[in-house]
Protein backbone atom coordinates (compact mmCIF):
# COMPACT_ATOMS: atom_id res chain seq x y z
CA UNK A 1 18.61 -10.73 0.61
CA UNK A 2 19.44 -10.65 4.58
CA UNK A 3 18.48 -13.88 6.38
CA UNK A 4 14.77 -12.77 7.49
CA UNK A 5 15.73 -13.29 10.97
CA UNK A 6 18.37 -11.05 11.06
CA UNK A 7 16.94 -8.73 8.93
CA UNK A 8 13.77 -8.09 11.42
CA UNK A 9 15.93 -7.69 14.35
CA UNK A 10 17.53 -5.05 12.86
CA UNK A 11 14.26 -3.46 11.30
CA UNK A 12 12.70 -3.13 14.39
CA UNK A 13 15.35 -1.90 16.72
CA UNK A 14 16.81 0.41 14.52
CA UNK A 15 16.55 4.67 15.62
CA UNK A 16 15.23 7.01 13.48
CA UNK A 17 14.73 10.93 13.55
CA UNK A 18 11.18 11.60 14.00
CA UNK A 19 8.50 14.20 13.04
CA UNK A 20 5.90 14.21 15.48
CA UNK A 21 2.99 16.31 16.57
CA UNK A 22 2.58 16.63 20.37
CA UNK A 23 -0.81 15.54 21.98
CA UNK A 24 -3.75 18.38 22.10
CA UNK A 25 -3.84 18.85 25.75
CA UNK A 26 -3.60 16.75 28.88
CA UNK A 27 -6.19 17.39 31.49
CA UNK A 28 -7.98 15.47 34.26
CA UNK A 29 -11.15 16.45 32.96
CA UNK A 30 -10.66 14.51 29.61
CA UNK A 31 -9.68 11.13 28.15
CA UNK A 32 -7.28 10.93 24.91
CA UNK A 33 -7.49 8.04 22.42
CA UNK A 34 -4.69 8.36 20.11
CA UNK A 35 -5.27 6.23 17.05
CA UNK A 36 -2.56 5.20 15.21
CA UNK A 37 -3.38 3.74 11.29
CA UNK A 38 -1.89 2.35 8.50
CA UNK A 39 -3.37 1.13 5.09
CA UNK A 40 -1.94 -0.69 1.82
CA UNK A 41 1.74 -0.97 3.25
CA UNK A 42 2.29 -3.87 0.40
CA UNK A 43 4.94 -5.73 1.84
CA UNK A 44 7.09 -2.20 2.02
CA UNK A 45 9.43 -3.50 5.08
CA UNK A 46 12.49 -1.93 3.84
CA UNK A 47 12.40 2.05 2.82
CA UNK A 48 12.08 3.09 -0.79
CA UNK A 49 15.61 3.12 -2.64
CA UNK A 50 17.66 6.63 -2.28
CA UNK A 51 17.28 6.33 -5.87
CA UNK A 52 13.44 6.17 -5.62
CA UNK A 53 11.93 9.43 -8.03
CA UNK A 54 9.09 10.04 -5.94
CA UNK A 55 9.62 8.94 -1.96
CA UNK A 56 13.37 8.27 -1.71
CA UNK A 57 14.48 6.90 1.33
CA UNK A 58 10.70 6.96 2.61
CA UNK A 59 8.68 4.21 4.39
CA UNK A 60 9.99 1.29 5.88
CA UNK A 61 9.15 -1.04 9.15
CA UNK A 62 12.23 0.57 11.16
CA UNK A 63 11.15 3.91 11.12
CA UNK A 64 7.50 3.29 11.68
CA UNK A 65 8.53 0.97 14.41
CA UNK A 66 10.49 4.08 16.31
CA UNK A 67 7.63 6.55 15.51
CA UNK A 68 4.95 4.40 17.09
CA UNK A 69 7.20 3.51 20.26
CA UNK A 70 7.38 7.32 20.51
CA UNK A 71 4.06 7.88 20.16
CA UNK A 72 3.12 5.19 22.86
CA UNK A 73 5.23 6.83 25.30
CA UNK A 74 3.81 9.87 25.11
CA UNK A 75 0.17 8.85 25.22
CA UNK A 76 -1.12 6.60 27.69
CA UNK A 77 -3.84 4.96 25.65
CA UNK A 78 -2.54 4.37 22.04
CA UNK A 79 -4.47 2.34 19.38
CA UNK A 80 -2.76 0.55 16.18
CA UNK A 81 -4.67 -0.54 13.45
CA UNK A 82 -4.36 -1.35 9.84
CA UNK A 83 -6.76 -1.26 6.97
CA UNK A 84 -5.75 -3.90 4.63
CA UNK A 85 -3.41 -4.88 1.93
CA UNK A 86 -0.40 -5.84 4.09
CA UNK A 87 0.71 -8.40 1.51
CA UNK A 88 2.02 -7.93 -1.85
CA UNK A 89 4.62 -5.20 -3.43
CA UNK A 90 8.02 -6.42 -2.93
CA UNK A 91 10.07 -9.38 -3.11
CA UNK A 92 9.67 -10.20 0.65
CA UNK A 93 6.09 -11.18 0.08
CA UNK A 94 7.29 -13.42 -3.23
CA UNK A 95 9.88 -15.16 -1.17
CA UNK A 96 8.43 -15.34 2.04
CA UNK A 97 4.67 -15.66 1.41
CA UNK A 98 3.83 -13.44 4.21
CA UNK A 99 6.15 -14.50 7.30
CA UNK A 100 7.73 -11.39 7.08
CA UNK A 101 5.01 -9.08 7.02
CA UNK A 102 2.92 -10.74 10.01
CA UNK A 103 6.22 -10.90 11.92
CA UNK A 104 6.52 -7.07 11.71
CA UNK A 105 3.10 -6.32 12.32
CA UNK A 106 3.50 -8.78 15.44
CA UNK A 107 6.58 -6.45 16.81
CA UNK A 108 4.90 -3.36 16.19
CA UNK A 109 2.15 -4.42 18.51
CA UNK A 110 -0.84 -3.96 15.92
CA UNK A 111 -4.25 -4.71 17.59
CA UNK A 112 -6.59 -5.28 14.46
CA UNK A 113 -6.51 -5.48 10.78
CA UNK A 114 -8.99 -5.80 8.30
CA UNK A 115 -8.60 -7.99 5.20
CA UNK A 116 -7.71 -6.17 1.86
CA UNK A 117 -7.98 -7.84 -1.54
CA UNK A 118 -4.23 -8.79 -1.67
CA UNK A 119 -4.20 -11.24 1.38
CA UNK A 120 -6.13 -13.33 -0.88
CA UNK A 121 -3.09 -13.61 -3.28
CA UNK A 122 -1.71 -17.05 -2.75
CA UNK A 123 -5.09 -18.38 -1.57
CA UNK A 124 -7.21 -19.21 1.47
CA UNK A 125 -5.09 -21.94 2.85
CA UNK A 126 -2.03 -19.72 2.41
CA UNK A 127 -3.99 -16.69 4.08
CA UNK A 128 -5.36 -19.03 7.06
CA UNK A 129 -1.64 -19.95 8.23
CA UNK A 130 -0.59 -16.17 8.46
CA UNK A 131 -3.79 -15.35 10.26
CA UNK A 132 -2.82 -18.33 12.61
CA UNK A 133 0.63 -16.93 13.20
CA UNK A 134 -0.56 -13.21 14.17
CA UNK A 135 -0.84 -11.79 17.52
CA UNK A 136 -3.78 -9.83 16.24
CA UNK A 137 -7.15 -9.94 15.27
CA UNK A 138 -8.80 -9.65 11.87
CA UNK A 139 -12.09 -8.18 11.29
CA UNK A 140 -14.51 -8.67 8.22
CA UNK A 141 -18.16 -9.03 8.06
CA UNK A 142 -19.34 -8.61 4.78
CA UNK A 143 -17.35 -11.47 3.43
CA UNK A 144 -19.51 -15.44 4.56
CA UNK A 145 -16.11 -17.23 5.17
CA UNK A 146 -18.32 -20.44 6.03
CA UNK A 147 -17.23 -23.24 3.42
CA UNK A 148 -13.70 -22.13 3.89
CA UNK A 149 -10.74 -22.54 5.68
CA UNK A 150 -11.31 -19.01 7.21
CA UNK A 151 -14.50 -19.57 8.85
CA UNK A 152 -13.90 -19.06 12.52
CA UNK A 153 -10.71 -17.15 12.17
CA UNK A 154 -11.98 -13.70 10.99
CA UNK A 155 -14.05 -11.62 13.54
CA UNK A 156 -17.23 -9.55 12.74
CA UNK A 157 -16.18 -7.59 15.29
CA UNK A 158 -14.19 -6.90 18.39
CA UNK A 159 -13.78 -4.74 21.40
CA UNK A 160 -10.61 -3.53 22.99
CA UNK A 161 -10.24 -1.68 26.11
CA UNK A 162 -8.13 1.39 26.80
CA UNK A 163 -8.32 2.55 30.45
CA UNK A 164 -12.17 3.01 31.01
CA UNK A 165 -12.76 3.49 27.39
CA UNK A 166 -14.40 1.04 25.20
CA UNK A 167 -13.74 0.55 21.81
CA UNK A 168 -15.51 -1.59 19.22
CA UNK A 169 -14.09 -2.28 15.68
CA UNK A 170 -15.56 -3.90 12.71
CA UNK A 171 -14.42 -4.22 9.10
CA UNK A 172 -15.44 -4.67 5.78
CA UNK A 173 -13.63 -5.42 2.34
CA UNK A 174 -14.09 -4.78 -1.25
CA UNK A 175 -15.77 -7.24 -3.69
CA UNK A 176 -12.92 -9.74 -4.64
CA UNK A 177 -14.51 -10.76 -8.41
CA UNK A 178 -12.29 -9.29 -10.94
CA UNK A 179 -9.58 -8.32 -8.27
CA UNK A 180 -8.32 -11.83 -7.13
CA UNK A 181 -8.43 -15.21 -9.29
CA UNK A 182 -11.18 -16.86 -8.34
CA UNK A 183 -9.45 -19.84 -7.47
CA UNK A 184 -8.01 -17.85 -4.66
CA UNK A 185 -11.19 -16.83 -2.67
CA UNK A 186 -13.10 -20.05 -3.83
CA UNK A 187 -16.20 -20.39 -1.46
CA UNK A 188 -16.25 -16.86 0.05
CA UNK A 189 -19.87 -15.03 -0.60
CA UNK A 190 -19.63 -11.40 -0.64
CA UNK A 191 -22.13 -9.27 0.65
CA UNK A 192 -23.54 -5.20 0.55
CA UNK A 193 -20.84 -3.73 3.22
CA UNK A 194 -23.43 -1.37 4.22
CA UNK A 195 -26.02 -3.33 5.91
CA UNK A 196 -23.60 -6.01 7.40
CA UNK A 197 -21.54 -2.92 9.21
CA UNK A 198 -24.72 -1.47 10.47
CA UNK A 199 -25.67 -5.01 11.89
CA UNK A 200 -22.33 -4.93 13.69
CA UNK A 201 -22.11 -1.22 14.50
CA UNK A 202 -25.76 -1.68 16.41
CA UNK A 203 -24.36 -4.46 18.30
CA UNK A 204 -21.43 -2.33 19.03
CA UNK A 205 -23.14 0.69 20.21
CA UNK A 206 -26.08 -0.06 21.64
CA UNK A 207 -25.69 -3.54 23.25
CA UNK A 208 -22.09 -3.59 23.75
CA UNK A 209 -22.16 -0.09 24.84
CA UNK A 210 -19.02 1.01 23.16
CA UNK A 211 -17.19 4.48 23.92
CA UNK A 212 -16.39 4.77 20.20
CA UNK A 213 -17.19 2.50 17.04
CA UNK A 214 -14.34 2.23 14.55
CA UNK A 215 -14.70 0.43 11.00
CA UNK A 216 -11.23 -0.80 9.10
CA UNK A 217 -12.64 -0.38 5.42
CA UNK A 218 -10.96 -1.97 2.29
CA UNK A 219 -13.66 -0.89 0.13
CA UNK A 220 -11.93 2.35 -1.25
CA UNK A 221 -12.56 6.09 -0.44
CA UNK A 222 -14.49 7.36 -3.41
CA UNK A 223 -15.38 6.42 -7.01
CA UNK A 224 -16.81 7.95 -10.10
CA UNK A 225 -19.19 5.29 -10.38
CA UNK A 226 -22.22 3.77 -8.13
CA UNK A 227 -19.24 1.37 -6.62
CA UNK A 228 -19.79 1.52 -2.54
CA UNK A 229 -17.24 3.58 -1.09
CA UNK A 230 -16.20 4.79 2.38
CA UNK A 231 -18.29 8.02 1.57
CA UNK A 232 -21.25 6.06 0.89
CA UNK A 233 -20.55 3.76 4.17
CA UNK A 234 -20.64 7.04 6.16
CA UNK A 235 -23.73 8.38 4.64
CA UNK A 236 -25.92 5.59 4.71
CA UNK A 237 -25.34 4.68 8.35
CA UNK A 238 -25.32 5.60 11.74
CA UNK A 239 -23.54 5.19 15.23
CA UNK A 240 -20.12 5.08 12.93
CA UNK A 241 -17.65 7.37 14.82
CA UNK A 242 -14.25 6.82 12.47
CA UNK A 243 -13.84 4.56 9.01
CA UNK A 244 -10.39 4.30 8.63
CA UNK A 245 -10.01 3.23 5.03
CA UNK A 246 -7.49 1.43 2.59
CA UNK A 247 -7.90 -0.03 -1.50
CA UNK A 248 -7.85 3.64 -3.01
CA UNK A 249 -4.29 4.55 -1.77
CA UNK A 250 -6.15 7.72 -0.98
CA UNK A 251 -3.81 10.48 1.06
CA UNK A 252 -5.96 12.93 2.76
CA UNK A 253 -4.32 15.62 4.74
CA UNK A 254 -7.23 16.21 6.87
CA UNK A 255 -9.76 13.60 7.57
CA UNK A 256 -13.24 13.98 5.51
CA UNK A 257 -15.98 14.69 7.59
CA UNK A 258 -19.71 13.45 6.28
CA UNK A 259 -22.98 13.74 8.26
CA UNK A 260 -24.51 10.48 8.66
CA UNK A 261 -28.22 9.29 8.42
CA UNK A 262 -28.70 11.58 11.49
CA UNK A 263 -26.96 14.14 10.83
CA UNK A 264 -23.76 13.58 12.94
CA UNK A 265 -20.18 13.49 12.07
CA UNK A 266 -18.25 10.74 10.92
CA UNK A 267 -14.12 11.04 10.20
CA UNK A 268 -12.86 9.52 7.33
CA UNK A 269 -9.20 8.64 6.99
CA UNK A 270 -6.76 7.30 4.55
CA UNK A 271 -2.62 7.70 4.36
CA UNK A 272 -1.61 6.69 0.90
CA UNK A 273 0.24 3.24 0.64
CA UNK A 274 3.65 1.99 1.43
CA UNK A 275 3.89 3.28 5.12
CA UNK A 276 5.01 6.51 3.73
CA UNK A 277 2.80 8.05 6.42
CA UNK A 278 1.51 7.16 9.33
CA UNK A 279 -2.32 8.41 10.51
CA UNK A 280 -2.78 9.79 13.86
CA UNK A 281 -6.23 11.10 15.48
CA UNK A 282 -6.37 12.05 19.17
CA UNK A 283 -10.08 11.75 20.09
CA UNK A 284 -10.88 13.72 23.07
CA UNK A 285 -13.69 12.29 25.53
CA UNK A 286 -14.97 15.12 27.89
CA UNK A 287 -15.99 13.83 31.26
CA UNK A 288 -19.62 14.41 32.31
CA UNK A 289 -20.64 14.65 28.40
CA UNK A 290 -21.13 12.90 25.42
CA UNK A 291 -18.86 15.36 23.47
CA UNK A 292 -15.67 13.77 21.24
CA UNK A 293 -13.19 15.91 19.82
CA UNK A 294 -10.89 14.65 17.31
CA UNK A 295 -7.50 15.58 15.77
CA UNK A 296 -5.88 14.44 12.76
CA UNK A 297 -1.99 14.24 12.50
CA UNK A 298 0.00 13.14 9.68
CA UNK A 299 2.96 11.58 10.84
CA UNK A 300 6.03 11.38 8.36
CA UNK A 301 8.61 8.62 9.37
CA UNK A 302 12.13 9.97 8.75
């Protein structure tokens, strides 16, 4: 295996060919926010081998880096987010305990992530160290970290400014029971994400006056049981604009649009796993109006 430092330098500077949609339009009468997102990358630092039967040569940090940088040059206000399960899946995690994944995300300029269940695979102590190394915040509002080393390290919500647009971001996670060894999340208390998310959305929308509210969710897109999912989260809340999901490795060619408690649209998107696809949502804010338009792209790093 290559030396980690040398590999990172190569991965972040390699040039790749791009498959890219152009922005919707440019107008003095509107503002555009481009939201780029990943989920369940699972330590896929290098592309899948050329011999892989399903995804030959796909994925990898180098191609994603080139694509993200190109989109940023073409869209003034671009946001890069992740919906969790950064860790676990390749030997990079087994050997370097999350260092490579966080280094790559720092280099790519991620601006926020939520926690997936696999973030706890090496325990709370190890996760706390990786969060300290990250140049971006983690959000989660339905885990109580009070009696753990993570207390004070995870944000219930954040706000970001892109030009004149104020963006509110909160996050939620799946119940860790039966997914993570009990000693790896000891002290964390799980709460129903619907109630906790609504509390944070109310703050972001009404107290902090955000133009758009985004939920980074690692609870899963949908289930055949009554287990809480992104679909239910959208239906049973209000004032969420976008849910960027993870956990179920669901690939959506277009976002699902769900009516919330006030019969307003909520966009839900998820782009599979392993960084094979990069989600791109162009959100248009029209001047002198509260109207918002969204157009989705599935971008394939090649």
